[in-house]
Amino acid sequence: GQKYQIDETDDLIYIGSDFPDEYANSNYSAKAHGTIGKAKANA
């Protein structure tokens, strides 16, 4: 429900209700182990 602005373009990005699930349960996340998984989780 929040919105954030990209400095470079001034575009507004709205965070939708599907964002948490997509970020945490995407195919990429399922394969992300070790340093890469830890980096994505902490980002």
PDB file of all heavy atoms in Angstrom:
ATOM      1  N   GLY A   1       0.798  -1.220   0.000  1.00  0.00           N
ATOM      2  CA  GLY A   1       0.000   0.000   0.000  1.00  0.00           C
ATOM      3  C   GLY A   1       0.833   1.273   0.000  1.00  0.00           C
ATOM      4  O   GLY A   1       0.287   2.370  -0.134  1.00  0.00           O
ATOM      5  N   GLN A   2       2.132   1.141   0.110  1.00  0.00           N
ATOM      6  CA  GLN A   2       3.012   2.310   0.115  1.00  0.00           C
ATOM      7  C   GLN A   2       3.442   2.646  -1.306  1.00  0.00           C
ATOM      8  O   GLN A   2       3.359   1.821  -2.211  1.00  0.00           O
ATOM      9  CB  GLN A   2       4.252   2.037   0.968  1.00  0.00           C
ATOM     10  CG  GLN A   2       3.951   1.690   2.412  1.00  0.00           C
ATOM     11  CD  GLN A   2       3.254   2.827   3.135  1.00  0.00           C
ATOM     12  OE1 GLN A   2       3.663   3.981   3.069  1.00  0.00           O
ATOM     13  NE2 GLN A   2       2.168   2.499   3.828  1.00  0.00           N
ATOM     14  N   LYS A   3       3.921   3.867  -1.501  1.00  0.00           N
ATOM     15  CA  LYS A   3       4.478   4.270  -2.782  1.00  0.00           C
ATOM     16  C   LYS A   3       5.832   4.925  -2.535  1.00  0.00           C
ATOM     17  O   LYS A   3       6.045   5.596  -1.514  1.00  0.00           O
ATOM     18  CB  LYS A   3       3.542   5.191  -3.548  1.00  0.00           C
ATOM     19  CG  LYS A   3       3.261   6.505  -2.869  1.00  0.00           C
ATOM     20  CD  LYS A   3       2.280   7.325  -3.672  1.00  0.00           C
ATOM     21  CE  LYS A   3       1.958   8.593  -2.885  1.00  0.00           C
ATOM     22  NZ  LYS A   3       0.974   9.401  -3.534  1.00  0.00           N
ATOM     23  N   TYR A   4       6.742   4.695  -3.486  1.00  0.00           N
ATOM     24  CA  TYR A   4       8.103   5.208  -3.381  1.00  0.00           C
ATOM     25  C   TYR A   4       8.514   5.763  -4.729  1.00  0.00           C
ATOM     26  O   TYR A   4       8.066   5.280  -5.777  1.00  0.00           O
ATOM     27  CB  TYR A   4       9.061   4.099  -2.935  1.00  0.00           C
ATOM     28  CG  TYR A   4       8.652   3.477  -1.628  1.00  0.00           C
ATOM     29  CD1 TYR A   4       7.970   2.265  -1.607  1.00  0.00           C
ATOM     30  CD2 TYR A   4       8.901   4.110  -0.420  1.00  0.00           C
ATOM     31  CE1 TYR A   4       7.570   1.692  -0.403  1.00  0.00           C
ATOM     32  CE2 TYR A   4       8.504   3.538   0.787  1.00  0.00           C
ATOM     33  CZ  TYR A   4       7.842   2.329   0.786  1.00  0.00           C
ATOM     34  OH  TYR A   4       7.443   1.769   1.965  1.00  0.00           O
ATOM     35  N   GLN A   5       9.388   6.754  -4.715  1.00  0.00           N
ATOM     36  CA  GLN A   5       9.783   7.423  -5.948  1.00  0.00           C
ATOM     37  C   GLN A   5      11.210   7.054  -6.349  1.00  0.00           C
ATOM     38  O   GLN A   5      12.116   7.017  -5.515  1.00  0.00           O
ATOM     39  CB  GLN A   5       9.685   8.932  -5.766  1.00  0.00           C
ATOM     40  CG  GLN A   5       9.865   9.709  -7.033  1.00  0.00           C
ATOM     41  CD  GLN A   5       9.482  11.173  -6.860  1.00  0.00           C
ATOM     42  OE1 GLN A   5       9.339  11.673  -5.748  1.00  0.00           O
ATOM     43  NE2 GLN A   5       9.300  11.855  -7.968  1.00  0.00           N
ATOM     44  N   ILE A   6      11.391   6.799  -7.646  1.00  0.00           N
ATOM     45  CA  ILE A   6      12.713   6.552  -8.209  1.00  0.00           C
ATOM     46  C   ILE A   6      13.350   7.912  -8.487  1.00  0.00           C
ATOM     47  O   ILE A   6      12.785   8.725  -9.223  1.00  0.00           O
ATOM     48  CB  ILE A   6      12.626   5.736  -9.517  1.00  0.00           C
ATOM     49  CG1 ILE A   6      11.978   4.374  -9.259  1.00  0.00           C
ATOM     50  CG2 ILE A   6      14.008   5.586 -10.153  1.00  0.00           C
ATOM     51  CD1 ILE A   6      11.699   3.587 -10.523  1.00  0.00           C
ATOM     52  N   ASP A   7      14.525   8.169  -7.919  1.00  0.00           N
ATOM     53  CA  ASP A   7      15.198   9.457  -8.104  1.00  0.00           C
ATOM     54  C   ASP A   7      15.494   9.751  -9.574  1.00  0.00           C
ATOM     55  O   ASP A   7      15.291  10.868 -10.037  1.00  0.00           O
ATOM     56  CB  ASP A   7      16.513   9.500  -7.323  1.00  0.00           C
ATOM     57  CG  ASP A   7      16.311   9.787  -5.845  1.00  0.00           C
ATOM     58  OD1 ASP A   7      15.178  10.100  -5.424  1.00  0.00           O
ATOM     59  OD2 ASP A   7      17.315   9.696  -5.097  1.00  0.00           O
ATOM     60  N   GLU A   8      15.969   8.755 -10.307  1.00  0.00           N
ATOM     61  CA  GLU A   8      16.425   8.964 -11.683  1.00  0.00           C
ATOM     62  C   GLU A   8      15.307   9.402 -12.625  1.00  0.00           C
ATOM     63  O   GLU A   8      15.528  10.199 -13.529  1.00  0.00           O
ATOM     64  CB  GLU A   8      17.073   7.671 -12.202  1.00  0.00           C
ATOM     65  CG  GLU A   8      17.700   7.805 -13.579  1.00  0.00           C
ATOM     66  CD  GLU A   8      18.401   6.537 -14.009  1.00  0.00           C
ATOM     67  OE1 GLU A   8      19.591   6.386 -13.664  1.00  0.00           O
ATOM     68  OE2 GLU A   8      17.766   5.702 -14.682  1.00  0.00           O
ATOM     69  N   THR A   9      14.097   8.894 -12.413  1.00  0.00           N
ATOM     70  CA  THR A   9      12.999   9.147 -13.353  1.00  0.00           C
ATOM     71  C   THR A   9      11.804   9.867 -12.745  1.00  0.00           C
ATOM     72  O   THR A   9      10.898  10.274 -13.473  1.00  0.00           O
ATOM     73  CB  THR A   9      12.474   7.814 -13.923  1.00  0.00           C
ATOM     74  OG1 THR A   9      11.957   7.033 -12.841  1.00  0.00           O
ATOM     75  CG2 THR A   9      13.568   7.060 -14.651  1.00  0.00           C
ATOM     76  N   ASP A  10      11.777   9.982 -11.432  1.00  0.00           N
ATOM     77  CA  ASP A  10      10.629  10.533 -10.690  1.00  0.00           C
ATOM     78  C   ASP A  10       9.384   9.658 -10.782  1.00  0.00           C
ATOM     79  O   ASP A  10       8.299  10.076 -10.383  1.00  0.00           O
ATOM     80  CB  ASP A  10      10.283  11.962 -11.139  1.00  0.00           C
ATOM     81  CG  ASP A  10      11.344  12.974 -10.734  1.00  0.00           C
ATOM     82  OD1 ASP A  10      12.054  12.727  -9.728  1.00  0.00           O
ATOM     83  OD2 ASP A  10      11.483  14.007 -11.414  1.00  0.00           O
ATOM     84  N   ASP A  11       9.498   8.448 -11.323  1.00  0.00           N
ATOM     85  CA  ASP A  11       8.372   7.515 -11.372  1.00  0.00           C
ATOM     86  C   ASP A  11       7.999   7.086  -9.959  1.00  0.00           C
ATOM     87  O   ASP A  11       8.864   6.911  -9.095  1.00  0.00           O
ATOM     88  CB  ASP A  11       8.725   6.258 -12.178  1.00  0.00           C
ATOM     89  CG  ASP A  11       8.828   6.524 -13.665  1.00  0.00           C
ATOM     90  OD1 ASP A  11       8.151   7.441 -14.155  1.00  0.00           O
ATOM     91  OD2 ASP A  11       9.584   5.799 -14.332  1.00  0.00           O
ATOM     92  N   LEU A  12       6.698   6.897  -9.740  1.00  0.00           N
ATOM     93  CA  LEU A  12       6.219   6.378  -8.465  1.00  0.00           C
ATOM     94  C   LEU A  12       5.988   4.879  -8.593  1.00  0.00           C
ATOM     95  O   LEU A  12       5.411   4.415  -9.573  1.00  0.00           O
ATOM     96  CB  LEU A  12       4.912   7.053  -8.054  1.00  0.00           C
ATOM     97  CG  LEU A  12       5.028   8.500  -7.596  1.00  0.00           C
ATOM     98  CD1 LEU A  12       3.639   9.063  -7.299  1.00  0.00           C
ATOM     99  CD2 LEU A  12       5.921   8.628  -6.384  1.00  0.00           C
ATOM    100  N   ILE A  13       6.437   4.145  -7.595  1.00  0.00           N
ATOM    101  CA  ILE A  13       6.264   2.702  -7.548  1.00  0.00           C
ATOM    102  C   ILE A  13       5.318   2.393  -6.405  1.00  0.00           C
ATOM    103  O   ILE A  13       5.580   2.760  -5.254  1.00  0.00           O
ATOM    104  CB  ILE A  13       7.620   1.988  -7.304  1.00  0.00           C
ATOM    105  CG1 ILE A  13       8.648   2.391  -8.366  1.00  0.00           C
ATOM    106  CG2 ILE A  13       7.423   0.489  -7.220  1.00  0.00           C
ATOM    107  CD1 ILE A  13       8.274   2.036  -9.779  1.00  0.00           C
ATOM    108  N   TYR A  14       4.210   1.732  -6.716  1.00  0.00           N
ATOM    109  CA  TYR A  14       3.228   1.330  -5.713  1.00  0.00           C
ATOM    110  C   TYR A  14       3.459  -0.134  -5.369  1.00  0.00           C
ATOM    111  O   TYR A  14       3.605  -0.966  -6.253  1.00  0.00           O
ATOM    112  CB  TYR A  14       1.807   1.527  -6.248  1.00  0.00           C
ATOM    113  CG  TYR A  14       1.466   2.977  -6.490  1.00  0.00           C
ATOM    114  CD1 TYR A  14       1.718   3.567  -7.727  1.00  0.00           C
ATOM    115  CD2 TYR A  14       0.924   3.752  -5.477  1.00  0.00           C
ATOM    116  CE1 TYR A  14       1.429   4.900  -7.949  1.00  0.00           C
ATOM    117  CE2 TYR A  14       0.629   5.093  -5.698  1.00  0.00           C
ATOM    118  CZ  TYR A  14       0.890   5.655  -6.926  1.00  0.00           C
ATOM    119  OH  TYR A  14       0.601   6.976  -7.146  1.00  0.00           O
ATOM    120  N   ILE A  15       3.466  -0.422  -4.092  1.00  0.00           N
ATOM    121  CA  ILE A  15       3.689  -1.796  -3.629  1.00  0.00           C
ATOM    122  C   ILE A  15       2.332  -2.465  -3.460  1.00  0.00           C
ATOM    123  O   ILE A  15       1.540  -2.085  -2.605  1.00  0.00           O
ATOM    124  CB  ILE A  15       4.469  -1.830  -2.297  1.00  0.00           C
ATOM    125  CG1 ILE A  15       5.772  -1.030  -2.410  1.00  0.00           C
ATOM    126  CG2 ILE A  15       4.719  -3.274  -1.871  1.00  0.00           C
ATOM    127  CD1 ILE A  15       6.772  -1.559  -3.404  1.00  0.00           C
ATOM    128  N   GLY A  16       2.082  -3.468  -4.300  1.00  0.00           N
ATOM    129  CA  GLY A  16       0.808  -4.181  -4.274  1.00  0.00           C
ATOM    130  C   GLY A  16       0.803  -5.324  -3.278  1.00  0.00           C
ATOM    131  O   GLY A  16       1.843  -5.750  -2.771  1.00  0.00           O
ATOM    132  N   SER A  17      -0.377  -5.850  -3.030  1.00  0.00           N
ATOM    133  CA  SER A  17      -0.543  -6.913  -2.033  1.00  0.00           C
ATOM    134  C   SER A  17       0.118  -8.221  -2.445  1.00  0.00           C
ATOM    135  O   SER A  17       0.395  -9.069  -1.596  1.00  0.00           O
ATOM    136  CB  SER A  17      -2.033  -7.155  -1.765  1.00  0.00           C
ATOM    137  OG  SER A  17      -2.684  -7.532  -2.958  1.00  0.00           O
ATOM    138  N   ASP A  18       0.420  -8.390  -3.733  1.00  0.00           N
ATOM    139  CA  ASP A  18       1.077  -9.617  -4.180  1.00  0.00           C
ATOM    140  C   ASP A  18       2.601  -9.557  -4.052  1.00  0.00           C
ATOM    141  O   ASP A  18       3.283 -10.566  -4.203  1.00  0.00           O
ATOM    142  CB  ASP A  18       0.679  -9.947  -5.614  1.00  0.00           C
ATOM    143  CG  ASP A  18       1.003  -8.834  -6.600  1.00  0.00           C
ATOM    144  OD1 ASP A  18       1.169  -7.678  -6.164  1.00  0.00           O
ATOM    145  OD2 ASP A  18       1.090  -9.119  -7.800  1.00  0.00           O
ATOM    146  N   PHE A  19       3.150  -8.384  -3.732  1.00  0.00           N
ATOM    147  CA  PHE A  19       4.595  -8.217  -3.663  1.00  0.00           C
ATOM    148  C   PHE A  19       5.278  -9.136  -2.649  1.00  0.00           C
ATOM    149  O   PHE A  19       6.252  -9.812  -3.004  1.00  0.00           O
ATOM    150  CB  PHE A  19       4.944  -6.748  -3.377  1.00  0.00           C
ATOM    151  CG  PHE A  19       6.399  -6.505  -3.133  1.00  0.00           C
ATOM    152  CD1 PHE A  19       7.327  -6.655  -4.150  1.00  0.00           C
ATOM    153  CD2 PHE A  19       6.850  -6.122  -1.882  1.00  0.00           C
ATOM    154  CE1 PHE A  19       8.675  -6.430  -3.924  1.00  0.00           C
ATOM    155  CE2 PHE A  19       8.190  -5.894  -1.646  1.00  0.00           C
ATOM    156  CZ  PHE A  19       9.111  -6.046  -2.665  1.00  0.00           C
ATOM    157  N   PRO A  20       4.827  -9.222  -1.394  1.00  0.00           N
ATOM    158  CA  PRO A  20       5.530 -10.080  -0.431  1.00  0.00           C
ATOM    159  C   PRO A  20       5.611 -11.539  -0.875  1.00  0.00           C
ATOM    160  O   PRO A  20       6.679 -12.166  -0.776  1.00  0.00           O
ATOM    161  CB  PRO A  20       4.704  -9.946   0.852  1.00  0.00           C
ATOM    162  CG  PRO A  20       4.038  -8.624   0.731  1.00  0.00           C
ATOM    163  CD  PRO A  20       3.736  -8.476  -0.739  1.00  0.00           C
ATOM    164  N   ASP A  21       4.514 -12.071  -1.387  1.00  0.00           N
ATOM    165  CA  ASP A  21       4.498 -13.466  -1.831  1.00  0.00           C
ATOM    166  C   ASP A  21       5.410 -13.668  -3.038  1.00  0.00           C
ATOM    167  O   ASP A  21       6.177 -14.628  -3.093  1.00  0.00           O
ATOM    168  CB  ASP A  21       3.074 -13.903  -2.164  1.00  0.00           C
ATOM    169  CG  ASP A  21       3.021 -15.327  -2.677  1.00  0.00           C
ATOM    170  OD1 ASP A  21       3.423 -16.246  -1.935  1.00  0.00           O
ATOM    171  OD2 ASP A  21       2.596 -15.525  -3.828  1.00  0.00           O
ATOM    172  N   GLU A  22       5.343 -12.761  -4.004  1.00  0.00           N
ATOM    173  CA  GLU A  22       6.173 -12.892  -5.212  1.00  0.00           C
ATOM    174  C   GLU A  22       7.655 -12.797  -4.871  1.00  0.00           C
ATOM    175  O   GLU A  22       8.470 -13.564  -5.369  1.00  0.00           O
ATOM    176  CB  GLU A  22       5.787 -11.813  -6.228  1.00  0.00           C
ATOM    177  CG  GLU A  22       6.594 -11.861  -7.505  1.00  0.00           C
ATOM    178  CD  GLU A  22       6.408 -13.125  -8.315  1.00  0.00           C
ATOM    179  OE1 GLU A  22       5.331 -13.730  -8.267  1.00  0.00           O
ATOM    180  OE2 GLU A  22       7.373 -13.521  -9.006  1.00  0.00           O
ATOM    181  N   TYR A  23       8.022 -11.876  -4.008  1.00  0.00           N
ATOM    182  CA  TYR A  23       9.432 -11.691  -3.624  1.00  0.00           C
ATOM    183  C   TYR A  23       9.963 -12.923  -2.889  1.00  0.00           C
ATOM    184  O   TYR A  23      11.042 -13.410  -3.192  1.00  0.00           O
ATOM    185  CB  TYR A  23       9.542 -10.459  -2.728  1.00  0.00           C
ATOM    186  CG  TYR A  23      10.953 -10.024  -2.418  1.00  0.00           C
ATOM    187  CD1 TYR A  23      11.546  -9.000  -3.144  1.00  0.00           C
ATOM    188  CD2 TYR A  23      11.695 -10.597  -1.384  1.00  0.00           C
ATOM    189  CE1 TYR A  23      12.827  -8.565  -2.857  1.00  0.00           C
ATOM    190  CE2 TYR A  23      12.977 -10.179  -1.098  1.00  0.00           C
ATOM    191  CZ  TYR A  23      13.545  -9.152  -1.836  1.00  0.00           C
ATOM    192  OH  TYR A  23      14.817  -8.731  -1.542  1.00  0.00           O
ATOM    193  N   ALA A  24       9.199 -13.407  -1.933  1.00  0.00           N
ATOM    194  CA  ALA A  24       9.674 -14.492  -1.074  1.00  0.00           C
ATOM    195  C   ALA A  24       9.473 -15.880  -1.663  1.00  0.00           C
ATOM    196  O   ALA A  24      10.172 -16.818  -1.277  1.00  0.00           O
ATOM    197  CB  ALA A  24       8.974 -14.419   0.286  1.00  0.00           C
ATOM    198  N   ASN A  25       8.545 -16.042  -2.588  1.00  0.00           N
ATOM    199  CA  ASN A  25       8.227 -17.379  -3.084  1.00  0.00           C
ATOM    200  C   ASN A  25       8.402 -17.543  -4.591  1.00  0.00           C
ATOM    201  O   ASN A  25       7.884 -18.495  -5.165  1.00  0.00           O
ATOM    202  CB  ASN A  25       6.788 -17.741  -2.686  1.00  0.00           C
ATOM    203  CG  ASN A  25       6.625 -17.759  -1.188  1.00  0.00           C
ATOM    204  OD1 ASN A  25       7.292 -18.504  -0.491  1.00  0.00           O
ATOM    205  ND2 ASN A  25       5.755 -16.896  -0.670  1.00  0.00           N
ATOM    206  N   SER A  26       9.132 -16.653  -5.205  1.00  0.00           N
ATOM    207  CA  SER A  26       9.369 -16.772  -6.642  1.00  0.00           C
ATOM    208  C   SER A  26      10.282 -17.962  -6.922  1.00  0.00           C
ATOM    209  O   SER A  26      10.930 -18.491  -6.021  1.00  0.00           O
ATOM    210  CB  SER A  26      10.025 -15.495  -7.174  1.00  0.00           C
ATOM    211  OG  SER A  26      11.353 -15.391  -6.670  1.00  0.00           O
ATOM    212  N   ASN A  27      10.328 -18.376  -8.174  1.00  0.00           N
ATOM    213  CA  ASN A  27      11.241 -19.456  -8.568  1.00  0.00           C
ATOM    214  C   ASN A  27      12.677 -19.086  -8.251  1.00  0.00           C
ATOM    215  O   ASN A  27      13.472 -19.919  -7.826  1.00  0.00           O
ATOM    216  CB  ASN A  27      11.104 -19.766 -10.064  1.00  0.00           C
ATOM    217  CG  ASN A  27       9.799 -20.470 -10.372  1.00  0.00           C
ATOM    218  OD1 ASN A  27       9.199 -21.093  -9.505  1.00  0.00           O
ATOM    219  ND2 ASN A  27       9.362 -20.354 -11.610  1.00  0.00           N
ATOM    220  N   TYR A  28      13.019 -17.812  -8.437  1.00  0.00           N
ATOM    221  CA  TYR A  28      14.379 -17.355  -8.144  1.00  0.00           C
ATOM    222  C   TYR A  28      14.698 -17.510  -6.662  1.00  0.00           C
ATOM    223  O   TYR A  28      15.770 -17.975  -6.293  1.00  0.00           O
ATOM    224  CB  TYR A  28      14.549 -15.899  -8.580  1.00  0.00           C
ATOM    225  CG  TYR A  28      15.926 -15.364  -8.296  1.00  0.00           C
ATOM    226  CD1 TYR A  28      16.993 -15.634  -9.164  1.00  0.00           C
ATOM    227  CD2 TYR A  28      16.183 -14.615  -7.157  1.00  0.00           C
ATOM    228  CE1 TYR A  28      18.253 -15.170  -8.902  1.00  0.00           C
ATOM    229  CE2 TYR A  28      17.447 -14.143  -6.892  1.00  0.00           C
ATOM    230  CZ  TYR A  28      18.487 -14.415  -7.768  1.00  0.00           C
ATOM    231  OH  TYR A  28      19.744 -13.953  -7.506  1.00  0.00           O
ATOM    232  N   SER A  29      13.765 -17.126  -5.801  1.00  0.00           N
ATOM    233  CA  SER A  29      13.993 -17.244  -4.354  1.00  0.00           C
ATOM    234  C   SER A  29      14.156 -18.697  -3.937  1.00  0.00           C
ATOM    235  O   SER A  29      14.994 -19.019  -3.090  1.00  0.00           O
ATOM    236  CB  SER A  29      12.839 -16.619  -3.561  1.00  0.00           C
ATOM    237  OG  SER A  29      12.789 -15.236  -3.781  1.00  0.00           O
ATOM    238  N   ALA A  30      13.385 -19.571  -4.534  1.00  0.00           N
ATOM    239  CA  ALA A  30      13.471 -20.992  -4.187  1.00  0.00           C
ATOM    240  C   ALA A  30      14.840 -21.563  -4.513  1.00  0.00           C
ATOM    241  O   ALA A  30      15.322 -22.470  -3.826  1.00  0.00           O
ATOM    242  CB  ALA A  30      12.390 -21.778  -4.922  1.00  0.00           C
ATOM    243  N   LYS A  31      15.497 -21.007  -5.528  1.00  0.00           N
ATOM    244  CA  LYS A  31      16.814 -21.487  -5.935  1.00  0.00           C
ATOM    245  C   LYS A  31      17.951 -20.715  -5.270  1.00  0.00           C
ATOM    246  O   LYS A  31      19.104 -21.082  -5.402  1.00  0.00           O
ATOM    247  CB  LYS A  31      16.955 -21.375  -7.450  1.00  0.00           C
ATOM    248  CG  LYS A  31      15.996 -22.250  -8.214  1.00  0.00           C
ATOM    249  CD  LYS A  31      16.111 -21.997  -9.698  1.00  0.00           C
ATOM    250  CE  LYS A  31      15.032 -22.721 -10.455  1.00  0.00           C
ATOM    251  NZ  LYS A  31      15.007 -22.364 -11.867  1.00  0.00           N
ATOM    252  N   ALA A  32      17.616 -19.617  -4.591  1.00  0.00           N
ATOM    253  CA  ALA A  32      18.645 -18.752  -4.007  1.00  0.00           C
ATOM    254  C   ALA A  32      19.081 -19.291  -2.647  1.00  0.00           C
ATOM    255  O   ALA A  32      18.354 -19.198  -1.667  1.00  0.00           O
ATOM    256  CB  ALA A  32      18.114 -17.329  -3.871  1.00  0.00           C
ATOM    257  N   HIS A  33      20.264 -19.860  -2.615  1.00  0.00           N
ATOM    258  CA  HIS A  33      20.826 -20.401  -1.383  1.00  0.00           C
ATOM    259  C   HIS A  33      22.116 -19.651  -1.063  1.00  0.00           C
ATOM    260  O   HIS A  33      22.619 -18.880  -1.866  1.00  0.00           O
ATOM    261  CB  HIS A  33      21.131 -21.893  -1.546  1.00  0.00           C
ATOM    262  CG  HIS A  33      19.921 -22.715  -1.853  1.00  0.00           C
ATOM    263  ND1 HIS A  33      18.972 -23.024  -0.923  1.00  0.00           N
ATOM    264  CD2 HIS A  33      19.502 -23.268  -3.016  1.00  0.00           C
ATOM    265  CE1 HIS A  33      18.028 -23.742  -1.477  1.00  0.00           C
ATOM    266  NE2 HIS A  33      18.315 -23.908  -2.760  1.00  0.00           N
ATOM    267  N   GLY A  34      22.650 -19.905   0.101  1.00  0.00           N
ATOM    268  CA  GLY A  34      23.943 -19.335   0.470  1.00  0.00           C
ATOM    269  C   GLY A  34      23.945 -17.826   0.438  1.00  0.00           C
ATOM    270  O   GLY A  34      22.984 -17.173   0.841  1.00  0.00           O
ATOM    271  N   THR A  35      25.026 -17.268  -0.074  1.00  0.00           N
ATOM    272  CA  THR A  35      25.219 -15.821  -0.071  1.00  0.00           C
ATOM    273  C   THR A  35      24.138 -15.084  -0.854  1.00  0.00           C
ATOM    274  O   THR A  35      23.637 -14.057  -0.408  1.00  0.00           O
ATOM    275  CB  THR A  35      26.611 -15.477  -0.649  1.00  0.00           C
ATOM    276  OG1 THR A  35      27.605 -16.140   0.136  1.00  0.00           O
ATOM    277  CG2 THR A  35      26.871 -13.990  -0.619  1.00  0.00           C
ATOM    278  N   ILE A  36      23.745 -15.604  -2.002  1.00  0.00           N
ATOM    279  CA  ILE A  36      22.740 -14.928  -2.836  1.00  0.00           C
ATOM    280  C   ILE A  36      21.378 -14.920  -2.135  1.00  0.00           C
ATOM    281  O   ILE A  36      20.687 -13.898  -2.110  1.00  0.00           O
ATOM    282  CB  ILE A  36      22.643 -15.569  -4.229  1.00  0.00           C
ATOM    283  CG1 ILE A  36      23.984 -15.453  -4.957  1.00  0.00           C
ATOM    284  CG2 ILE A  36      21.526 -14.955  -5.048  1.00  0.00           C
ATOM    285  CD1 ILE A  36      24.492 -14.041  -5.167  1.00  0.00           C
ATOM    286  N   GLY A  37      20.978 -16.047  -1.565  1.00  0.00           N
ATOM    287  CA  GLY A  37      19.714 -16.095  -0.833  1.00  0.00           C
ATOM    288  C   GLY A  37      19.716 -15.160   0.358  1.00  0.00           C
ATOM    289  O   GLY A  37      18.748 -14.433   0.609  1.00  0.00           O
ATOM    290  N   LYS A  38      20.807 -15.159   1.089  1.00  0.00           N
ATOM    291  CA  LYS A  38      20.937 -14.279   2.252  1.00  0.00           C
ATOM    292  C   LYS A  38      20.892 -12.811   1.823  1.00  0.00           C
ATOM    293  O   LYS A  38      20.264 -11.982   2.475  1.00  0.00           O
ATOM    294  CB  LYS A  38      22.246 -14.587   2.971  1.00  0.00           C
ATOM    295  CG  LYS A  38      22.417 -13.895   4.278  1.00  0.00           C
ATOM    296  CD  LYS A  38      23.689 -14.417   4.954  1.00  0.00           C
ATOM    297  CE  LYS A  38      23.951 -13.729   6.256  1.00  0.00           C
ATOM    298  NZ  LYS A  38      25.184 -14.209   6.891  1.00  0.00           N
ATOM    299  N   ALA A  39      21.526 -12.502   0.693  1.00  0.00           N
ATOM    300  CA  ALA A  39      21.509 -11.133   0.186  1.00  0.00           C
ATOM    301  C   ALA A  39      20.094 -10.707  -0.184  1.00  0.00           C
ATOM    302  O   ALA A  39      19.648  -9.617   0.185  1.00  0.00           O
ATOM    303  CB  ALA A  39      22.436 -11.007  -1.015  1.00  0.00           C
ATOM    304  N   LYS A  40      19.381 -11.559  -0.911  1.00  0.00           N
ATOM    305  CA  LYS A  40      18.011 -11.206  -1.309  1.00  0.00           C
ATOM    306  C   LYS A  40      17.121 -11.057  -0.084  1.00  0.00           C
ATOM    307  O   LYS A  40      16.337 -10.112   0.007  1.00  0.00           O
ATOM    308  CB  LYS A  40      17.422 -12.253  -2.260  1.00  0.00           C
ATOM    309  CG  LYS A  40      16.025 -11.861  -2.732  1.00  0.00           C
ATOM    310  CD  LYS A  40      15.440 -12.807  -3.738  1.00  0.00           C
ATOM    311  CE  LYS A  40      14.051 -12.282  -4.137  1.00  0.00           C
ATOM    312  NZ  LYS A  40      13.358 -13.139  -5.046  1.00  0.00           N
ATOM    313  N   ALA A  41      17.235 -11.968   0.869  1.00  0.00           N
ATOM    314  CA  ALA A  41      16.419 -11.890   2.081  1.00  0.00           C
ATOM    315  C   ALA A  41      16.694 -10.596   2.835  1.00  0.00           C
ATOM    316  O   ALA A  41      15.771  -9.900   3.265  1.00  0.00           O
ATOM    317  CB  ALA A  41      16.680 -13.105   2.972  1.00  0.00           C
ATOM    318  N   ASN A  42      17.953 -10.237   2.998  1.00  0.00           N
ATOM    319  CA  ASN A  42      18.304  -9.037   3.752  1.00  0.00           C
ATOM    320  C   ASN A  42      18.044  -7.749   2.995  1.00  0.00           C
ATOM    321  O   ASN A  42      17.812  -6.708   3.607  1.00  0.00           O
ATOM    322  CB  ASN A  42      19.744  -9.128   4.247  1.00  0.00           C
ATOM    323  CG  ASN A  42      19.831 -10.006   5.461  1.00  0.00           C
ATOM    324  OD1 ASN A  42      19.403  -9.636   6.541  1.00  0.00           O
ATOM    325  ND2 ASN A  42      20.323 -11.217   5.282  1.00  0.00           N
ATOM    326  N   ALA A  43      18.033  -7.810   1.666  1.00  0.00           N
ATOM    327  CA  ALA A  43      17.671  -6.634   0.878  1.00  0.00           C
ATOM    328  C   ALA A  43      16.216  -6.244   1.131  1.00  0.00           C
ATOM    329  O   ALA A  43      15.838  -5.084   0.940  1.00  0.00           O
ATOM    330  CB  ALA A  43      17.907  -6.894  -0.605  1.00  0.00           C
TER     331      ALA A  43
END
